[in-house]
Each structure stands twice: as structure tokens, then as C-alpha cells.
Amino acid sequence: MGWKKGLLAVVVAIAVGAWVCLGLSFWLGLDQEVGIFFVMAAAFTTEAAFWVLALVLGVSVYESRRRIWCALVRSSRMEIE
């Protein structure tokens, strides 16, 4: 499990760096193309951090999303009836 925590630390550090770069690009007033690049980088690294966190916790992301979807559909069906 040690290598998983190390991987999580690296991915979270990269994601935080991407978010810091995004904030700096807005603060410095850089071009829109640069801002779009940093938005995409922050989005991808944040998604990667979620997947690695799920790996560390041993959570099946697919199974969790399926259960959430079933619960939402079930509750919306109850509201309709």
C-alpha cells in the first residue's frame, strides 16, 4: 500500500500545481489560450487524483457510480408516482 500513497501524493501535488498555475494565469491576465490550457490541465489532474484516491481506498468507482445512479433513478421514480 506504500507505493499507492506515494502515487497519490505525487498526483495530488501535480493537481495542486495545476490549480496554482490556473490561478496565476488569471491573476497575471495571460492570454485566453494559456488560460484554457491551464483549465484543461487542472481538470485532467483533478480527475486523475480522484481515480488514484479510489485506488488507494480500494473503492470501485464504477460500482459506486452505478449505485448512485440507481439510487437517483429510484428516488425520482418515487417522486413521480
Protein backbone atom coordinates (compact mmCIF):
# COMPACT_ATOMS: atom_id res chain seq x y z
CA MET A 1 0.00 0.00 0.00
CA GLY A 2 3.02 2.28 0.39
CA TRP A 3 3.50 2.85 -3.32
CA LYS A 4 -0.17 3.76 -3.70
CA LYS A 5 0.10 6.50 -1.09
CA GLY A 6 3.23 7.78 -2.79
CA LEU A 7 1.45 7.84 -6.13
CA LEU A 8 -1.46 9.69 -4.54
CA ALA A 9 0.89 12.27 -3.05
CA VAL A 10 2.55 12.87 -6.42
CA VAL A 11 -0.74 13.15 -8.31
CA VAL A 12 -2.25 15.49 -5.71
CA ALA A 13 0.89 17.66 -5.81
CA ILE A 14 0.62 17.87 -9.60
CA ALA A 15 -3.08 18.72 -9.36
CA VAL A 16 -2.42 21.45 -6.80
CA GLY A 17 0.32 22.80 -9.04
CA ALA A 18 -2.07 22.89 -11.98
CA TRP A 19 -4.64 24.79 -9.93
CA VAL A 20 -1.99 27.25 -8.74
CA CYS A 21 -0.90 27.81 -12.35
CA LEU A 22 -4.53 28.40 -13.33
CA GLY A 23 -4.93 30.98 -10.59
CA LEU A 24 -1.70 32.68 -11.56
CA SER A 25 -2.77 32.82 -15.20
CA PHE A 26 -5.94 34.66 -14.19
CA TRP A 27 -4.09 36.92 -11.77
CA LEU A 28 -1.44 37.82 -14.32
CA GLY A 29 -4.03 38.31 -17.06
CA LEU A 30 -2.45 35.90 -19.54
CA ASP A 31 -3.96 35.12 -22.92
CA GLN A 32 -7.16 33.11 -23.20
CA GLU A 33 -5.34 30.23 -24.90
CA VAL A 34 -3.00 29.89 -21.94
CA GLY A 35 -5.96 30.01 -19.56
CA ILE A 36 -7.75 27.29 -21.49
CA PHE A 37 -4.64 25.12 -21.32
CA PHE A 38 -4.43 25.53 -17.54
CA VAL A 39 -8.15 24.84 -17.11
CA MET A 40 -7.77 21.59 -19.04
CA ALA A 41 -4.64 20.65 -17.09
CA ALA A 42 -6.39 21.30 -13.78
CA ALA A 43 -9.42 19.27 -14.85
CA PHE A 44 -7.38 16.28 -16.01
CA THR A 45 -5.12 16.24 -12.97
CA THR A 46 -8.06 16.56 -10.59
CA GLU A 47 -9.80 13.64 -12.29
CA ALA A 48 -6.58 11.63 -12.04
CA ALA A 49 -6.39 12.47 -8.34
CA PHE A 50 -9.93 11.14 -7.81
CA TRP A 51 -9.10 7.89 -9.61
CA VAL A 52 -5.87 7.40 -7.66
CA LEU A 53 -7.69 8.15 -4.40
CA ALA A 54 -10.23 5.48 -5.33
CA LEU A 55 -7.33 3.09 -5.99
CA VAL A 56 -5.81 3.84 -2.59
CA LEU A 57 -9.13 3.42 -0.80
CA GLY A 58 -9.98 0.28 -2.75
CA VAL A 59 -13.24 1.73 -3.98
CA SER A 60 -14.60 0.53 -7.27
CA VAL A 61 -15.51 3.84 -8.89
CA TYR A 62 -17.65 2.15 -11.50
CA GLU A 63 -19.62 0.27 -8.84
CA SER A 64 -20.06 3.41 -6.75
CA ARG A 65 -21.33 5.42 -9.71
CA ARG A 66 -23.73 2.62 -10.61
CA ARG A 67 -25.14 2.54 -7.09
CA ILE A 68 -25.53 6.32 -7.01
CA TRP A 69 -27.29 6.26 -10.38
CA CYS A 70 -29.66 3.50 -9.23
CA ALA A 71 -30.46 5.45 -6.07
CA LEU A 72 -31.16 8.62 -8.06
CA VAL A 73 -33.37 6.82 -10.54
CA ARG A 74 -35.21 5.01 -7.75
CA SER A 75 -35.84 8.26 -5.82
CA SER A 76 -37.01 10.09 -8.95
CA ARG A 77 -39.43 7.26 -9.72
CA MET A 78 -40.85 7.53 -6.22
CA GLU A 79 -41.41 11.27 -6.69
CA ILE A 80 -43.29 10.68 -9.97
CA GLU A 81 -45.66 8.09 -8.51
